Amino acid sequence: MISFFACLALLIIGFLTYSKVAEKVFGPDDRKPPALTMTDGSDYVPMGTPRIFLIQLLNIAGLGPIFGALAGACWGPSVFLWITLGTLF
């Protein structure tokens, strides 16, 4: 349980600091995406916001519950560290 709360704290700290560091290093990107600049009707097609977020949700919801439960059963608390460090770096 201690490893869970430690990893949760690391994720929160990483969330609050990483975006500021990334913005200073890379700067904001104001370019238009390829779907808007190279629209061809088959490969590059602009999509609406609800559809884009639905695709992202399905990608996350598909593997996350399966992999998380299996990894936790196989390796125990070390999975928290692996997921946390993998997410941060």
Protein backbone atom coordinates (compact mmCIF):
# COMPACT_ATOMS: atom_id res chain seq x y z
CA MET A 1 0.00 0.00 0.00
CA ILE A 2 2.91 2.33 0.67
CA SER A 3 4.23 1.82 -2.85
CA PHE A 4 0.81 2.72 -4.28
CA PHE A 5 0.62 6.03 -2.43
CA ALA A 6 4.26 6.82 -3.20
CA CYS A 7 3.64 6.24 -6.90
CA LEU A 8 0.44 8.25 -6.78
CA ALA A 9 2.34 11.16 -5.24
CA LEU A 10 5.04 10.84 -7.93
CA LEU A 11 2.41 10.95 -10.67
CA ILE A 12 0.83 14.08 -9.20
CA ILE A 13 4.20 15.81 -8.83
CA GLY A 14 5.15 14.77 -12.35
CA PHE A 15 1.85 16.08 -13.70
CA LEU A 16 2.35 19.46 -12.05
CA THR A 17 5.99 19.93 -13.08
CA TYR A 18 6.56 18.11 -16.38
CA SER A 19 4.25 20.31 -18.47
CA LYS A 20 6.04 23.45 -17.31
CA VAL A 21 9.44 21.98 -18.12
CA ALA A 22 8.28 20.72 -21.53
CA GLU A 23 6.82 24.12 -22.40
CA LYS A 24 10.09 25.87 -21.52
CA VAL A 25 12.22 23.40 -23.48
CA PHE A 26 10.06 22.91 -26.59
CA GLY A 27 7.67 25.87 -26.60
CA PRO A 28 4.10 25.80 -27.82
CA ASP A 29 3.46 24.47 -31.32
CA ASP A 30 1.02 26.61 -33.30
CA ARG A 31 1.25 24.69 -36.58
CA LYS A 32 -1.88 23.16 -38.10
CA PRO A 33 -2.08 19.35 -38.02
CA PRO A 34 -1.53 17.32 -41.22
CA ALA A 35 -5.24 16.42 -41.35
CA LEU A 36 -5.95 20.09 -42.06
CA THR A 37 -2.97 20.95 -44.26
CA MET A 38 -2.91 17.77 -46.41
CA THR A 39 -6.58 16.73 -46.50
CA ASP A 40 -7.00 14.06 -49.20
CA GLY A 41 -10.20 12.28 -48.18
CA SER A 42 -8.65 8.91 -47.31
CA ASP A 43 -5.48 9.15 -45.22
CA TYR A 44 -5.69 12.69 -43.86
CA VAL A 45 -9.26 13.46 -42.81
CA PRO A 46 -10.24 16.00 -40.15
CA MET A 47 -12.45 14.55 -37.40
CA GLY A 48 -14.66 16.17 -34.85
CA THR A 49 -13.62 16.54 -31.21
CA PRO A 50 -16.07 13.94 -29.78
CA ARG A 51 -14.84 11.28 -32.21
CA ILE A 52 -11.17 11.97 -31.44
CA PHE A 53 -11.74 11.67 -27.69
CA LEU A 54 -13.78 8.49 -28.20
CA ILE A 55 -10.86 6.90 -30.07
CA GLN A 56 -8.45 7.89 -27.28
CA LEU A 57 -10.82 6.52 -24.64
CA LEU A 58 -11.15 3.20 -26.47
CA ASN A 59 -7.37 2.90 -26.82
CA ILE A 60 -6.85 3.48 -23.10
CA ALA A 61 -9.86 1.45 -21.93
CA GLY A 62 -8.95 -1.52 -24.11
CA LEU A 63 -5.55 -2.44 -22.71
CA GLY A 64 -5.39 -0.71 -19.33
CA PRO A 65 -7.70 -2.91 -17.24
CA ILE A 66 -6.32 -6.12 -18.74
CA PHE A 67 -2.62 -5.31 -18.52
CA GLY A 68 -2.85 -3.63 -15.13
CA ALA A 69 -4.56 -6.57 -13.46
CA LEU A 70 -2.23 -9.15 -15.01
CA ALA A 71 0.90 -7.18 -14.21
CA GLY A 72 -0.23 -6.61 -10.63
CA ALA A 73 -0.95 -10.31 -10.18
CA CYS A 74 2.43 -11.34 -11.62
CA TRP A 75 4.80 -8.78 -10.13
CA GLY A 76 3.03 -7.12 -7.21
CA PRO A 77 4.03 -3.67 -5.91
CA SER A 78 6.93 -3.28 -8.35
CA VAL A 79 4.31 -2.75 -11.07
CA PHE A 80 3.35 0.57 -9.47
CA LEU A 81 6.92 1.78 -9.86
CA TRP A 82 7.17 0.48 -13.42
CA ILE A 83 3.94 2.17 -14.52
CA THR A 84 4.78 5.39 -12.68
CA LEU A 85 8.32 5.73 -14.03
CA GLY A 86 7.19 4.68 -17.51
CA THR A 87 4.50 7.33 -17.46
CA LEU A 88 6.81 10.08 -16.23
CA PHE A 89 9.74 9.33 -18.52
